[in-house]
Amino acid sequence: MLSKPLNPTIRFASSGAKRILLVNALPNIFRSIRSLLRKRGYQVDSAHSGIDALIQLEQSPPDLLLLDTATADIDGYEVTRRIRRNAELPFFPIMLVADHNHASVVKGLTLGANDVIRPPVKKRELFAKIQSMLRLKHSIDEQIRINQQHEDFIASLTHDLRTPLIAADHMLHLLRRGTFGKTLPEMRDSLEQVVQSNQTLLEMVDTLLEIYQYEAGCKDLHFHKIDLWELSQRVVRELTPLAMTKGLALNLTLVGATDERSLWVRGDRLELRRLLTNLIGNAIRYTDTGSIELRLQHFTRDSPENNSIVLEVEDTGIGIPPEEQKFLFERYRQGNHQRRGNGLGLYLSHQIVEAHHGTIKVESEVGKGSCFIVQFDLLRK
């Protein structure tokens, strides 16, 4: 569809061994482009049909695809659609050559093309577009590389930190039990503080590792039918001693006419357990007097078929100022209070809820307490 030969005297910036794939049903159409790009140092390959292009792409993705919409078997729009739907392929820019009318441009860009050009193509304009697309490819590749380095660093760091912390935790517990001899009374308080500080660091590292896995998209979730009432009972039993040490009551109740046998969701049991532990643990940490209430409710939104489970964790603690509530589920947003915490627990809780296609929000008043409200779709039996 490109009707005029390109002028080889035009200067084009060298791009090393960048690979460009040309796709057209008639080889002679792109002949001038192929020749000139090769002179400029590019590796240029050709495909003469849409299916052939897709096969080559899966075997060796290019840095740029210049694609005529009028291919022999499936048109360039369908090739573009299949490429963008294939999550296994890395990103590379797609330039479509098509009749330049509004419908063609809209269709091409909607399906995932990065540019739509029409024949006959002006030589300088074509090279400028190719350079621009290759710069885009380079920029995205560089960002992916930086992100990967960041993810690898976090994974390595958390692993390297966790190993000595676990060893220290083991040794500290042996010291506390008197395995190496009796501990002097004046040392016991200091030893308890060291034990608590080490456990806090270990919890922080574990939380960072969980967050990294969610953000990197490598978190393995195993969804099963989960009895949320039974799970809530277990978590409450485990955390009740912690609440009792502060003189707090920790209660689990059903709201209204909710039947405990109806509280089933589809989810990852370990992650839902982590969510409940985070929310209740936070409530205990920031509450000095009163109680923490965990409430479950079978809720019908707008029709009997559109049901959900609402989980509420309400405390009588210090509360959260309105200006902080909007940022509460962001990373490292601990707030202005002076309580122990790293600001990661609620962010991780938000990640868990989103992974289960639920919602989480907070209602709070300073000095009166907070209520975290989580909503999941009810599992239909």
Protein backbone atom coordinates (compact mmCIF):
# COMPACT_ATOMS: atom_id res chain seq x y z
CA MET A 1 0.00 0.00 0.00
CA LEU A 2 3.10 2.28 0.01
CA SER A 3 3.28 3.59 -3.53
CA LYS A 4 6.54 5.59 -3.67
CA PRO A 5 10.11 4.42 -3.12
CA LEU A 6 11.87 5.93 -0.16
CA ASN A 7 14.80 8.27 -0.70
CA PRO A 8 17.95 6.50 0.61
CA THR A 9 19.71 9.84 1.16
CA ILE A 10 17.57 10.61 4.22
CA ARG A 11 19.58 10.29 7.43
CA PHE A 12 18.13 7.98 10.01
CA ALA A 13 19.46 7.56 13.55
CA SER A 14 21.17 4.25 14.15
CA SER A 15 19.37 1.91 16.52
CA GLY A 16 21.80 -1.02 16.77
CA ALA A 17 20.23 -4.37 16.03
CA LYS A 18 16.58 -3.45 16.49
CA ARG A 19 14.32 -5.95 14.77
CA ILE A 20 11.43 -4.74 12.61
CA LEU A 21 8.83 -7.08 11.15
CA LEU A 22 7.08 -6.01 7.93
CA VAL A 23 3.78 -7.70 7.11
CA ASN A 24 2.19 -7.39 3.69
CA ALA A 25 0.48 -9.77 1.28
CA LEU A 26 2.55 -8.44 -1.64
CA PRO A 27 6.33 -8.49 -0.92
CA ASN A 28 7.23 -5.78 -3.46
CA ILE A 29 5.07 -3.22 -1.64
CA PHE A 30 7.47 -2.98 1.31
CA ARG A 31 10.63 -3.66 -0.72
CA SER A 32 11.95 -0.09 -0.59
CA ILE A 33 11.28 0.16 3.13
CA ARG A 34 13.04 -3.13 3.85
CA SER A 35 16.11 -2.18 1.84
CA LEU A 36 16.52 1.23 3.41
CA LEU A 37 15.99 0.04 6.98
CA ARG A 38 18.65 -2.63 6.53
CA LYS A 39 21.11 0.01 5.28
CA ARG A 40 20.43 1.91 8.51
CA GLY A 41 21.46 -1.07 10.62
CA TYR A 42 18.11 -2.66 11.41
CA GLN A 43 17.30 -6.34 11.23
CA VAL A 44 14.26 -6.52 8.96
CA ASP A 45 12.12 -9.64 8.59
CA SER A 46 9.04 -10.15 6.44
CA ALA A 47 5.76 -12.00 6.67
CA HIS A 48 3.27 -12.30 3.84
CA SER A 49 0.15 -13.24 5.80
CA GLY A 50 -1.41 -12.58 9.16
CA ILE A 51 -0.99 -16.17 10.37
CA ASP A 52 2.65 -16.20 9.30
CA ALA A 53 3.19 -12.96 11.22
CA LEU A 54 1.61 -14.39 14.38
CA ILE A 55 3.80 -17.50 14.17
CA GLN A 56 6.95 -15.39 13.80
CA LEU A 57 5.89 -13.10 16.62
CA GLU A 58 5.48 -15.98 19.06
CA GLN A 59 8.87 -17.42 18.11
CA SER A 60 10.74 -14.11 18.20
CA PRO A 61 8.89 -10.87 19.11
CA PRO A 62 10.18 -7.84 17.17
CA ASP A 63 10.94 -4.34 18.42
CA LEU A 64 8.44 -2.89 15.95
CA LEU A 65 5.67 -4.27 13.75
CA LEU A 66 4.78 -2.44 10.53
CA LEU A 67 1.56 -4.08 9.46
CA ASP A 68 -0.55 -3.64 6.34
CA THR A 69 -4.24 -4.12 7.12
CA ALA A 70 -4.80 -5.84 3.76
CA THR A 71 -3.08 -9.13 4.51
CA ALA A 72 -4.04 -12.31 2.65
CA ASP A 73 -5.78 -14.46 5.25
CA ILE A 74 -6.74 -12.42 8.32
CA ASP A 75 -6.55 -8.65 8.10
CA GLY A 76 -4.19 -6.44 10.06
CA TYR A 77 -6.90 -5.46 12.53
CA GLU A 78 -7.41 -9.08 13.55
CA VAL A 79 -3.64 -9.59 13.81
CA THR A 80 -3.45 -6.56 16.11
CA ARG A 81 -6.31 -7.83 18.25
CA ARG A 82 -4.72 -11.25 18.70
CA ILE A 83 -1.35 -9.76 19.59
CA ARG A 84 -2.74 -7.47 22.27
CA ARG A 85 -4.82 -10.29 23.76
CA ASN A 86 -1.80 -12.54 24.07
CA ALA A 87 -0.45 -11.90 27.56
CA GLU A 88 2.64 -14.02 26.83
CA LEU A 89 3.98 -11.53 24.30
CA PRO A 90 6.14 -8.60 25.45
CA PHE A 91 5.16 -5.10 24.42
CA PHE A 92 6.20 -3.85 21.01
CA PRO A 93 4.70 -0.96 19.01
CA ILE A 94 2.34 -1.71 16.15
CA MET A 95 2.11 0.66 13.18
CA LEU A 96 -0.85 -0.06 10.92
CA VAL A 97 -0.89 0.93 7.26
CA ALA A 98 -4.52 1.55 6.34
CA ASP A 99 -6.87 3.86 4.51
CA HIS A 100 -6.69 7.00 6.57
CA ASN A 101 -10.30 7.66 7.39
CA HIS A 102 -11.83 8.21 10.81
CA ALA A 103 -13.24 4.70 11.09
CA SER A 104 -9.89 3.06 10.23
CA VAL A 105 -7.98 5.15 12.76
CA VAL A 106 -10.48 4.55 15.54
CA LYS A 107 -10.66 0.82 14.84
CA GLY A 108 -6.88 0.41 14.71
CA LEU A 109 -6.17 2.38 17.88
CA THR A 110 -9.03 0.70 19.74
CA LEU A 111 -7.62 -2.75 18.96
CA GLY A 112 -4.19 -1.76 20.28
CA ALA A 113 -2.20 -0.21 17.45
CA ASN A 114 0.12 2.63 18.43
CA ASP A 115 -0.18 4.50 15.15
CA VAL A 116 -2.21 4.34 11.94
CA ILE A 117 -0.62 5.68 8.77
CA ARG A 118 -2.00 5.91 5.25
CA PRO A 119 -0.34 5.42 1.84
CA PRO A 120 1.45 6.97 0.14
CA VAL A 121 3.65 7.62 3.18
CA LYS A 122 5.94 10.61 3.22
CA LYS A 123 9.50 9.42 3.70
CA ARG A 124 10.54 11.77 6.49
CA GLU A 125 7.26 11.24 8.29
CA LEU A 126 7.62 7.46 8.15
CA PHE A 127 11.12 7.50 9.60
CA ALA A 128 10.12 9.98 12.28
CA LYS A 129 7.25 7.68 13.28
CA ILE A 130 9.50 4.62 13.30
CA GLN A 131 12.06 6.41 15.47
CA SER A 132 9.32 7.57 17.81
CA MET A 133 7.89 4.06 18.15
CA LEU A 134 11.32 2.57 18.82
CA ARG A 135 11.97 5.21 21.48
CA LEU A 136 8.65 4.22 23.05
CA LYS A 137 9.70 0.56 22.99
CA HIS A 138 13.06 1.42 24.57
CA SER A 139 11.41 3.52 27.27
CA ILE A 140 8.96 0.77 28.22
CA ASP A 141 11.68 -1.90 28.17
CA GLU A 142 13.83 0.26 30.43
CA GLN A 143 10.97 0.78 32.86
CA ILE A 144 10.30 -2.96 32.94
CA ARG A 145 13.99 -3.58 33.60
CA ILE A 146 14.04 -1.06 36.46
CA ASN A 147 10.87 -2.54 37.95
CA GLN A 148 12.34 -6.02 37.73
CA GLN A 149 15.51 -4.88 39.46
CA HIS A 150 13.40 -3.28 42.17
CA GLU A 151 11.35 -6.44 42.63
CA ASP A 152 14.45 -8.63 42.71
CA PHE A 153 16.04 -6.30 45.25
CA ILE A 154 12.99 -6.40 47.53
CA ALA A 155 12.75 -10.19 47.28
CA SER A 156 16.46 -10.62 48.02
CA LEU A 157 16.40 -8.06 50.82
CA THR A 158 13.41 -9.57 52.59
CA HIS A 159 14.92 -13.05 52.32
CA ASP A 160 18.33 -11.91 53.59
CA LEU A 161 16.72 -10.03 56.48
CA ARG A 162 14.32 -12.79 57.42
CA THR A 163 16.97 -15.50 57.90
CA PRO A 164 18.95 -13.79 60.71
CA LEU A 165 15.76 -12.47 62.32
CA ILE A 166 14.38 -16.00 62.61
CA ALA A 167 17.66 -17.18 64.10
CA ALA A 168 17.65 -14.28 66.56
CA ASP A 169 14.03 -14.99 67.48
CA HIS A 170 14.90 -18.61 68.25
CA MET A 171 17.89 -17.64 70.41
CA LEU A 172 15.93 -14.97 72.29
CA HIS A 173 13.20 -17.45 73.18
CA LEU A 174 15.83 -19.89 74.46
CA LEU A 175 17.27 -17.11 76.60
CA ARG A 176 13.85 -16.19 77.92
CA ARG A 177 13.16 -19.83 78.88
CA GLY A 178 16.48 -20.00 80.75
CA THR A 179 18.03 -22.60 78.47
CA PHE A 180 21.47 -21.05 78.96
CA GLY A 181 21.01 -20.33 82.65
CA LYS A 182 18.80 -18.14 84.77
CA THR A 183 18.21 -14.58 83.65
CA LEU A 184 18.83 -11.85 86.19
CA PRO A 185 15.61 -10.04 87.22
CA GLU A 186 16.99 -6.67 86.10
CA MET A 187 17.59 -8.12 82.60
CA ARG A 188 14.13 -9.57 82.05
CA ASP A 189 12.37 -6.34 81.04
CA SER A 190 15.12 -5.49 78.57
CA LEU A 191 15.04 -9.02 77.18
CA GLU A 192 11.28 -8.81 76.64
CA GLN A 193 11.72 -5.53 74.77
CA VAL A 194 14.35 -7.11 72.53
CA VAL A 195 12.09 -10.11 71.87
CA GLN A 196 9.18 -7.80 70.99
CA SER A 197 11.33 -5.60 68.73
CA ASN A 198 12.70 -8.62 66.88
CA GLN A 199 9.18 -10.02 66.37
CA THR A 200 8.04 -6.63 65.05
CA LEU A 201 10.89 -6.60 62.52
CA LEU A 202 10.09 -10.15 61.46
CA GLU A 203 6.42 -9.27 60.97
CA MET A 204 7.42 -6.23 58.91
CA VAL A 205 9.69 -8.29 56.65
CA ASP A 206 6.97 -10.92 56.17
CA THR A 207 4.45 -8.21 55.29
CA LEU A 208 6.87 -6.61 52.83
CA LEU A 209 7.35 -9.96 51.13
CA GLU A 210 3.59 -10.45 50.83
CA ILE A 211 3.16 -6.94 49.39
CA TYR A 212 5.97 -7.55 46.92
CA GLN A 213 4.28 -10.72 45.69
CA TYR A 214 0.98 -8.91 45.15
CA GLU A 215 2.55 -5.95 43.38
CA ALA A 216 4.77 -8.14 41.22
CA GLY A 217 1.76 -10.21 40.18
CA CYS A 218 3.41 -13.43 41.40
CA LYS A 219 1.19 -14.09 44.40
CA ASP A 220 -0.24 -17.60 44.18
CA LEU A 221 -3.84 -17.65 45.39
CA HIS A 222 -5.76 -20.88 45.84
CA PHE A 223 -9.50 -20.23 45.79
CA HIS A 224 -11.82 -22.65 47.54
CA LYS A 225 -15.18 -22.62 49.25
CA ILE A 226 -14.55 -20.90 52.61
CA ASP A 227 -16.79 -20.85 55.68
CA LEU A 228 -16.19 -17.26 56.82
CA TRP A 229 -17.99 -17.81 60.13
CA GLU A 230 -15.79 -20.74 61.10
CA LEU A 231 -12.65 -18.86 60.01
CA SER A 232 -13.69 -15.80 62.03
CA GLN A 233 -14.20 -17.94 65.13
CA ARG A 234 -10.68 -19.34 64.82
CA VAL A 235 -9.06 -15.92 64.42
CA VAL A 236 -11.02 -14.48 67.35
CA ARG A 237 -9.95 -17.38 69.59
CA GLU A 238 -6.32 -16.82 68.64
CA LEU A 239 -6.38 -13.07 69.27
CA THR A 240 -8.52 -13.05 72.42
CA PRO A 241 -5.48 -13.49 74.74
CA LEU A 242 -3.85 -10.46 73.10
CA ALA A 243 -6.97 -8.38 73.70
CA MET A 244 -7.24 -9.62 77.29
CA THR A 245 -3.71 -8.43 78.11
CA LYS A 246 -5.01 -4.88 77.46
CA GLY A 247 -8.28 -5.47 79.31
CA LEU A 248 -10.29 -5.39 76.07
CA ALA A 249 -13.29 -7.51 75.11
CA LEU A 250 -13.15 -9.18 71.67
CA ASN A 251 -16.60 -10.24 70.46
CA LEU A 252 -17.87 -12.06 67.37
CA THR A 253 -21.54 -11.63 66.46
CA LEU A 254 -24.03 -12.19 63.65
CA VAL A 255 -26.08 -9.19 62.56
CA GLY A 256 -29.85 -9.41 62.23
CA ALA A 257 -31.31 -12.66 60.99
CA THR A 258 -28.06 -13.83 59.42
CA ASP A 259 -27.62 -17.59 59.54
CA GLU A 260 -24.05 -18.71 60.25
CA ARG A 261 -24.53 -21.53 57.72
CA SER A 262 -24.98 -18.98 54.91
CA LEU A 263 -21.63 -17.20 55.30
CA TRP A 264 -19.65 -18.85 52.51
CA VAL A 265 -17.27 -17.10 50.12
CA ARG A 266 -14.89 -18.22 47.43
CA GLY A 267 -11.38 -17.29 48.44
CA ASP A 268 -7.90 -18.15 49.61
CA ARG A 269 -8.19 -19.28 53.23
CA LEU A 270 -4.68 -18.21 54.24
CA GLU A 271 -5.13 -14.71 52.80
CA LEU A 272 -8.59 -14.23 54.33
CA ARG A 273 -7.13 -15.32 57.65
CA ARG A 274 -4.36 -12.76 57.21
CA LEU A 275 -6.97 -10.08 56.45
CA LEU A 276 -8.95 -10.82 59.63
CA THR A 277 -5.77 -10.94 61.72
CA ASN A 278 -4.57 -7.60 60.34
CA LEU A 279 -7.85 -5.79 60.95
CA ILE A 280 -8.45 -7.20 64.43
CA GLY A 281 -4.78 -6.83 65.39
CA ASN A 282 -4.83 -3.17 64.33
CA ALA A 283 -8.00 -2.59 66.35
CA ILE A 284 -6.36 -4.07 69.46
CA ARG A 285 -3.20 -2.04 68.94
CA TYR A 286 -5.02 1.28 68.72
CA THR A 287 -7.58 0.66 71.46
CA ASP A 288 -6.84 1.25 75.16
CA THR A 289 -10.27 0.74 76.72
CA GLY A 290 -13.56 -0.80 75.65
CA SER A 291 -13.98 -3.52 73.08
CA ILE A 292 -13.44 -4.77 69.54
CA GLU A 293 -16.45 -6.13 67.68
CA LEU A 294 -16.25 -8.44 64.68
CA ARG A 295 -19.65 -8.59 62.99
CA LEU A 296 -20.79 -10.68 60.03
CA GLN A 297 -23.92 -10.07 58.02
CA HIS A 298 -25.59 -11.73 55.06
CA PHE A 299 -26.61 -8.71 52.98
CA THR A 300 -28.99 -8.49 49.99
CA ARG A 301 -28.21 -5.50 47.78
CA ASP A 302 -30.94 -5.11 45.16
CA SER A 303 -32.26 -8.61 44.42
CA PRO A 304 -32.26 -12.06 46.05
CA GLU A 305 -29.64 -13.17 43.51
CA ASN A 306 -27.32 -10.25 44.30
CA ASN A 307 -26.13 -11.15 47.80
CA SER A 308 -22.96 -10.35 49.67
CA ILE A 309 -21.28 -10.83 53.03
CA VAL A 310 -20.42 -7.74 55.05
CA LEU A 311 -17.65 -8.05 57.61
CA GLU A 312 -17.16 -5.21 60.11
CA VAL A 313 -14.32 -4.72 62.61
CA GLU A 314 -15.23 -1.91 65.01
CA ASP A 315 -13.18 -0.64 67.94
CA THR A 316 -13.45 2.02 70.63
CA GLY A 317 -9.93 3.26 70.04
CA ILE A 318 -8.22 6.53 69.19
CA GLY A 319 -9.93 6.99 65.82
CA ILE A 320 -8.58 8.35 62.55
CA PRO A 321 -8.75 12.03 61.47
CA PRO A 322 -10.76 12.66 58.27
CA GLU A 323 -7.71 13.99 56.40
CA GLU A 324 -5.89 10.70 56.98
CA GLN A 325 -8.74 8.37 56.06
CA LYS A 326 -8.44 9.00 52.31
CA PHE A 327 -4.80 7.82 52.34
CA LEU A 328 -5.23 5.01 54.84
CA PHE A 329 -4.85 2.13 52.39
CA GLU A 330 -1.70 3.49 50.76
CA ARG A 331 1.74 2.11 51.53
CA TYR A 332 3.53 3.42 54.62
CA ARG A 333 0.60 5.61 55.65
CA GLN A 334 0.78 5.10 59.37
CA GLY A 335 -0.85 8.38 60.40
CA ASN A 336 0.26 10.91 62.97
CA HIS A 337 -0.36 8.77 66.04
CA GLN A 338 2.53 7.51 68.15
CA ARG A 339 1.54 3.83 68.24
CA ARG A 340 3.78 1.01 67.08
CA GLY A 341 3.17 0.04 63.47
CA ASN A 342 4.73 0.26 60.02
CA GLY A 343 1.81 1.42 57.89
CA LEU A 344 1.86 -1.75 55.78
CA GLY A 345 -0.91 -3.86 57.32
CA LEU A 346 -3.84 -1.91 55.91
CA TYR A 347 -2.21 -1.64 52.50
CA LEU A 348 -1.78 -5.42 52.43
CA SER A 349 -5.38 -5.84 53.62
CA HIS A 350 -6.53 -3.70 50.70
CA GLN A 351 -4.51 -5.88 48.29
CA ILE A 352 -6.10 -9.03 49.71
CA VAL A 353 -9.63 -7.62 49.45
CA GLU A 354 -9.07 -6.51 45.84
CA ALA A 355 -7.69 -9.94 44.94
CA HIS A 356 -11.00 -11.38 46.20
CA HIS A 357 -13.00 -8.83 44.15
CA GLY A 358 -14.30 -7.21 47.33
CA THR A 359 -14.33 -3.70 48.75
CA ILE A 360 -12.98 -2.20 51.96
CA LYS A 361 -13.66 1.17 53.54
CA VAL A 362 -13.33 2.88 56.90
CA GLU A 363 -15.64 4.99 59.05
CA SER A 364 -13.98 6.70 61.98
CA GLU A 365 -14.23 9.54 64.47
CA VAL A 366 -11.29 10.80 66.49
CA GLY A 367 -11.52 9.74 70.12
CA LYS A 368 -14.46 7.41 69.51
CA GLY A 369 -13.08 4.61 67.40
CA SER A 370 -13.02 3.16 63.90
CA CYS A 371 -15.01 0.67 61.86
CA PHE A 372 -13.51 -1.17 58.89
CA ILE A 373 -16.13 -2.54 56.52
CA VAL A 374 -15.32 -5.32 54.06
CA GLN A 375 -17.78 -6.68 51.52
CA PHE A 376 -17.47 -9.89 49.50
CA ASP A 377 -19.81 -11.57 47.08
CA LEU A 378 -21.73 -14.44 48.66
CA LEU A 379 -20.85 -17.85 47.27
CA ARG A 380 -23.88 -19.34 45.59
CA LYS A 381 -24.29 -23.00 46.41
